């Protein structure tokens, strides 16, 4: 019985957080984001990046 109560509390809190986030966040402009196929392309990292080959 306790597991069921905790599960119901979790889903209520999850739904409340989702509703709060939905109402308080700015809409996403999908036209301003790069396409998924372009992930990883762009400016090379600088500074102390561990994958830097410079």
PDB file of N, CA and C in Angstrom:
ATOM      1  N   UNK A   1       0.823  -1.196   0.000  1.00  0.00           N
ATOM      2  CA  UNK A   1       0.000   0.000   0.000  1.00  0.00           C
ATOM      3  C   UNK A   1       0.867   1.261   0.000  1.00  0.00           C
ATOM      4  N   UNK A   2       1.988   1.195   0.733  1.00  0.00           N
ATOM      5  CA  UNK A   2       2.854   2.364   0.803  1.00  0.00           C
ATOM      6  C   UNK A   2       3.496   2.657  -0.557  1.00  0.00           C
ATOM      7  N   UNK A   3       3.877   1.596  -1.288  1.00  0.00           N
ATOM      8  CA  UNK A   3       4.464   1.776  -2.613  1.00  0.00           C
ATOM      9  C   UNK A   3       3.488   2.476  -3.551  1.00  0.00           C
ATOM     10  N   UNK A   4       2.245   2.071  -3.502  1.00  0.00           N
ATOM     11  CA  UNK A   4       1.224   2.689  -4.354  1.00  0.00           C
ATOM     12  C   UNK A   4       1.055   4.163  -4.013  1.00  0.00           C
ATOM     13  N   UNK A   5       1.058   4.496  -2.725  1.00  0.00           N
ATOM     14  CA  UNK A   5       0.937   5.889  -2.300  1.00  0.00           C
ATOM     15  C   UNK A   5       2.117   6.710  -2.810  1.00  0.00           C
ATOM     16  N   UNK A   6       3.337   6.170  -2.680  1.00  0.00           N
ATOM     17  CA  UNK A   6       4.521   6.889  -3.153  1.00  0.00           C
ATOM     18  C   UNK A   6       4.517   7.038  -4.675  1.00  0.00           C
ATOM     19  N   UNK A   7       4.049   6.018  -5.368  1.00  0.00           N
ATOM     20  CA  UNK A   7       3.971   6.097  -6.823  1.00  0.00           C
ATOM     21  C   UNK A   7       2.977   7.173  -7.257  1.00  0.00           C
ATOM     22  N   UNK A   8       1.843   7.246  -6.605  1.00  0.00           N
ATOM     23  CA  UNK A   8       0.849   8.268  -6.922  1.00  0.00           C
ATOM     24  C   UNK A   8       1.406   9.655  -6.610  1.00  0.00           C
ATOM     25  N   UNK A   9       2.096   9.802  -5.472  1.00  0.00           N
ATOM     26  CA  UNK A   9       2.713  11.089  -5.128  1.00  0.00           C
ATOM     27  C   UNK A   9       3.754  11.496  -6.162  1.00  0.00           C
ATOM     28  N   UNK A  10       4.555  10.536  -6.612  1.00  0.00           N
ATOM     29  CA  UNK A  10       5.562  10.832  -7.628  1.00  0.00           C
ATOM     30  C   UNK A  10       4.923  11.341  -8.904  1.00  0.00           C
ATOM     31  N   UNK A  11       3.894  10.645  -9.400  1.00  0.00           N
ATOM     32  CA  UNK A  11       3.290  11.046 -10.662  1.00  0.00           C
ATOM     33  C   UNK A  11       2.547  12.372 -10.547  1.00  0.00           C
ATOM     34  N   UNK A  12       1.981  12.650  -9.390  1.00  0.00           N
ATOM     35  CA  UNK A  12       1.334  13.955  -9.188  1.00  0.00           C
ATOM     36  C   UNK A  12       2.377  15.060  -9.192  1.00  0.00           C
ATOM     37  N   UNK A  13       3.501  14.846  -8.489  1.00  0.00           N
ATOM     38  CA  UNK A  13       4.577  15.838  -8.470  1.00  0.00           C
ATOM     39  C   UNK A  13       5.177  16.006  -9.868  1.00  0.00           C
ATOM     40  N   UNK A  14       5.342  14.911 -10.586  1.00  0.00           N
ATOM     41  CA  UNK A  14       5.885  14.971 -11.943  1.00  0.00           C
ATOM     42  C   UNK A  14       4.964  15.778 -12.853  1.00  0.00           C
ATOM     43  N   UNK A  15       3.670  15.520 -12.788  1.00  0.00           N
ATOM     44  CA  UNK A  15       2.701  16.252 -13.615  1.00  0.00           C
ATOM     45  C   UNK A  15       2.655  17.723 -13.229  1.00  0.00           C
ATOM     46  N   UNK A  16       2.753  18.020 -11.931  1.00  0.00           N
ATOM     47  CA  UNK A  16       2.745  19.414 -11.478  1.00  0.00           C
ATOM     48  C   UNK A  16       3.985  20.149 -11.986  1.00  0.00           C
ATOM     49  N   UNK A  17       5.145  19.500 -11.913  1.00  0.00           N
ATOM     50  CA  UNK A  17       6.362  20.125 -12.420  1.00  0.00           C
ATOM     51  C   UNK A  17       6.276  20.353 -13.920  1.00  0.00           C
ATOM     52  N   UNK A  18       5.773  19.370 -14.654  1.00  0.00           N
ATOM     53  CA  UNK A  18       5.633  19.506 -16.103  1.00  0.00           C
ATOM     54  C   UNK A  18       4.692  20.654 -16.442  1.00  0.00           C
ATOM     55  N   UNK A  19       3.574  20.764 -15.734  1.00  0.00           N
ATOM     56  CA  UNK A  19       2.624  21.854 -15.981  1.00  0.00           C
ATOM     57  C   UNK A  19       3.238  23.211 -15.652  1.00  0.00           C
ATOM     58  N   UNK A  20       3.982  23.274 -14.542  1.00  0.00           N
ATOM     59  CA  UNK A  20       4.645  24.534 -14.172  1.00  0.00           C
ATOM     60  C   UNK A  20       5.671  24.926 -15.231  1.00  0.00           C
ATOM     61  N   UNK A  21       6.470  23.973 -15.677  1.00  0.00           N
ATOM     62  CA  UNK A  21       7.487  24.256 -16.686  1.00  0.00           C
ATOM     63  C   UNK A  21       6.848  24.684 -17.999  1.00  0.00           C
ATOM     64  N   UNK A  22       5.774  24.042 -18.373  1.00  0.00           N
ATOM     65  CA  UNK A  22       5.076  24.361 -19.616  1.00  0.00           C
ATOM     66  C   UNK A  22       4.559  25.797 -19.603  1.00  0.00           C
ATOM     67  N   UNK A  23       4.067  26.270 -18.440  1.00  0.00           N
ATOM     68  CA  UNK A  23       3.491  27.616 -18.363  1.00  0.00           C
ATOM     69  C   UNK A  23       4.539  28.703 -18.188  1.00  0.00           C
ATOM     70  N   UNK A  24       5.715  28.374 -17.645  1.00  0.00           N
ATOM     71  CA  UNK A  24       6.718  29.403 -17.339  1.00  0.00           C
ATOM     72  C   UNK A  24       7.881  29.470 -18.330  1.00  0.00           C
ATOM     73  N   UNK A  25       7.994  28.545 -19.246  1.00  0.00           N
ATOM     74  CA  UNK A  25       9.111  28.579 -20.185  1.00  0.00           C
ATOM     75  C   UNK A  25       8.692  29.228 -21.494  1.00  0.00           C
ATOM     76  N   UNK A  26       9.684  29.804 -22.152  1.00  0.00           N
ATOM     77  CA  UNK A  26       9.426  30.433 -23.447  1.00  0.00           C
ATOM     78  C   UNK A  26       9.230  29.346 -24.500  1.00  0.00           C
ATOM     79  N   UNK A  27       8.410  29.622 -25.506  1.00  0.00           N
ATOM     80  CA  UNK A  27       8.227  28.633 -26.558  1.00  0.00           C
ATOM     81  C   UNK A  27       9.525  28.401 -27.330  1.00  0.00           C
ATOM     82  N   UNK A  28       9.734  27.180 -27.768  1.00  0.00           N
ATOM     83  CA  UNK A  28      10.937  26.829 -28.506  1.00  0.00           C
ATOM     84  C   UNK A  28      10.747  27.185 -29.972  1.00  0.00           C
ATOM     85  N   UNK A  29      11.714  27.922 -30.514  1.00  0.00           N
ATOM     86  CA  UNK A  29      11.691  28.254 -31.930  1.00  0.00           C
ATOM     87  C   UNK A  29      12.526  27.209 -32.660  1.00  0.00           C
ATOM     88  N   UNK A  30      11.884  26.228 -33.257  1.00  0.00           N
ATOM     89  CA  UNK A  30      12.606  25.138 -33.904  1.00  0.00           C
ATOM     90  C   UNK A  30      13.350  25.604 -35.147  1.00  0.00           C
ATOM     91  N   UNK A  31      12.999  26.738 -35.691  1.00  0.00           N
ATOM     92  CA  UNK A  31      13.687  27.252 -36.871  1.00  0.00           C
ATOM     93  C   UNK A  31      15.045  27.867 -36.513  1.00  0.00           C
ATOM     94  N   UNK A  32      15.255  28.246 -35.240  1.00  0.00           N
ATOM     95  CA  UNK A  32      16.509  28.863 -34.814  1.00  0.00           C
ATOM     96  C   UNK A  32      17.535  27.823 -34.372  1.00  0.00           C
ATOM     97  N   UNK A  33      17.150  26.580 -34.235  1.00  0.00           N
ATOM     98  CA  UNK A  33      18.068  25.538 -33.793  1.00  0.00           C
ATOM     99  C   UNK A  33      18.703  24.843 -34.993  1.00  0.00           C
ATOM    100  N   UNK A  34      19.956  24.401 -34.844  1.00  0.00           N
ATOM    101  CA  UNK A  34      20.577  23.688 -35.957  1.00  0.00           C
ATOM    102  C   UNK A  34      19.934  22.313 -36.138  1.00  0.00           C
ATOM    103  N   UNK A  35      19.944  21.796 -37.355  1.00  0.00           N
ATOM    104  CA  UNK A  35      19.386  20.463 -37.554  1.00  0.00           C
ATOM    105  C   UNK A  35      20.220  19.411 -36.838  1.00  0.00           C
ATOM    106  N   UNK A  36      19.613  18.298 -36.497  1.00  0.00           N
ATOM    107  CA  UNK A  36      20.295  17.239 -35.767  1.00  0.00           C
ATOM    108  C   UNK A  36      21.482  16.686 -36.542  1.00  0.00           C
ATOM    109  N   UNK A  37      21.381  16.662 -37.853  1.00  0.00           N
ATOM    110  CA  UNK A  37      22.459  16.121 -38.675  1.00  0.00           C
ATOM    111  C   UNK A  37      23.710  16.992 -38.557  1.00  0.00           C
ATOM    112  N   UNK A  38      23.579  18.258 -38.150  1.00  0.00           N
ATOM    113  CA  UNK A  38      24.713  19.173 -38.033  1.00  0.00           C
ATOM    114  C   UNK A  38      25.339  19.129 -36.647  1.00  0.00           C
ATOM    115  N   UNK A  39      24.903  18.234 -35.789  1.00  0.00           N
ATOM    116  CA  UNK A  39      25.457  18.161 -34.439  1.00  0.00           C
ATOM    117  C   UNK A  39      26.945  17.847 -34.514  1.00  0.00           C
ATOM    118  N   UNK A  40      27.749  18.631 -33.819  1.00  0.00           N
ATOM    119  CA  UNK A  40      29.192  18.423 -33.796  1.00  0.00           C
ATOM    120  C   UNK A  40      29.940  19.276 -34.786  1.00  0.00           C
ATOM    121  N   UNK A  41      29.270  19.907 -35.726  1.00  0.00           N
ATOM    122  CA  UNK A  41      29.972  20.776 -36.656  1.00  0.00           C
ATOM    123  C   UNK A  41      29.923  22.198 -36.129  1.00  0.00           C
ATOM    124  N   UNK A  42      30.885  22.978 -36.503  1.00  0.00           N
ATOM    125  CA  UNK A  42      30.913  24.365 -36.076  1.00  0.00           C
ATOM    126  C   UNK A  42      32.286  24.765 -35.611  1.00  0.00           C
ATOM    127  N   UNK A  43      32.339  25.713 -34.697  1.00  0.00           N
ATOM    128  CA  UNK A  43      33.603  26.260 -34.215  1.00  0.00           C
ATOM    129  C   UNK A  43      34.337  25.216 -33.385  1.00  0.00           C
ATOM    130  N   UNK A  44      35.621  25.093 -33.626  1.00  0.00           N
ATOM    131  CA  UNK A  44      36.434  24.155 -32.859  1.00  0.00           C
ATOM    132  C   UNK A  44      36.551  24.632 -31.415  1.00  0.00           C
ATOM    133  N   UNK A  45      36.615  23.708 -30.464  1.00  0.00           N
ATOM    134  CA  UNK A  45      36.735  24.111 -29.061  1.00  0.00           C
ATOM    135  C   UNK A  45      38.083  24.761 -28.787  1.00  0.00           C
ATOM    136  N   UNK A  46      38.093  25.643 -27.811  1.00  0.00           N
ATOM    137  CA  UNK A  46      39.352  26.287 -27.425  1.00  0.00           C
ATOM    138  C   UNK A  46      39.493  26.186 -25.920  1.00  0.00           C
ATOM    139  N   UNK A  47      40.668  26.467 -25.434  1.00  0.00           N
ATOM    140  CA  UNK A  47      40.897  26.418 -23.992  1.00  0.00           C
ATOM    141  C   UNK A  47      41.340  25.049 -23.567  1.00  0.00           C
ATOM    142  N   UNK A  48      40.886  24.588 -22.422  1.00  0.00           N
ATOM    143  CA  UNK A  48      41.334  23.338 -21.832  1.00  0.00           C
ATOM    144  C   UNK A  48      40.477  22.157 -22.176  1.00  0.00           C
ATOM    145  N   UNK A  49      39.904  22.129 -23.340  1.00  0.00           N
ATOM    146  CA  UNK A  49      39.040  21.021 -23.720  1.00  0.00           C
ATOM    147  C   UNK A  49      39.866  19.752 -23.881  1.00  0.00           C
ATOM    148  N   UNK A  50      39.430  18.648 -23.316  1.00  0.00           N
ATOM    149  CA  UNK A  50      40.216  17.419 -23.315  1.00  0.00           C
ATOM    150  C   UNK A  50      40.334  16.786 -24.695  1.00  0.00           C
ATOM    151  N   UNK A  51      39.442  17.112 -25.625  1.00  0.00           N
ATOM    152  CA  UNK A  51      39.512  16.525 -26.955  1.00  0.00           C
ATOM    153  C   UNK A  51      40.243  17.435 -27.934  1.00  0.00           C
ATOM    154  N   UNK A  52      40.779  18.526 -27.436  1.00  0.00           N
ATOM    155  CA  UNK A  52      41.468  19.466 -28.303  1.00  0.00           C
ATOM    156  C   UNK A  52      42.761  18.858 -28.829  1.00  0.00           C
ATOM    157  N   UNK A  53      43.020  19.017 -30.115  1.00  0.00           N
ATOM    158  CA  UNK A  53      44.241  18.485 -30.728  1.00  0.00           C
ATOM    159  C   UNK A  53      45.243  19.581 -31.050  1.00  0.00           C
ATOM    160  N   UNK A  54      45.036  20.778 -30.555  1.00  0.00           N
ATOM    161  CA  UNK A  54      45.922  21.900 -30.872  1.00  0.00           C
ATOM    162  C   UNK A  54      47.102  21.908 -29.936  1.00  0.00           C
TER     163      UNK A  54
END
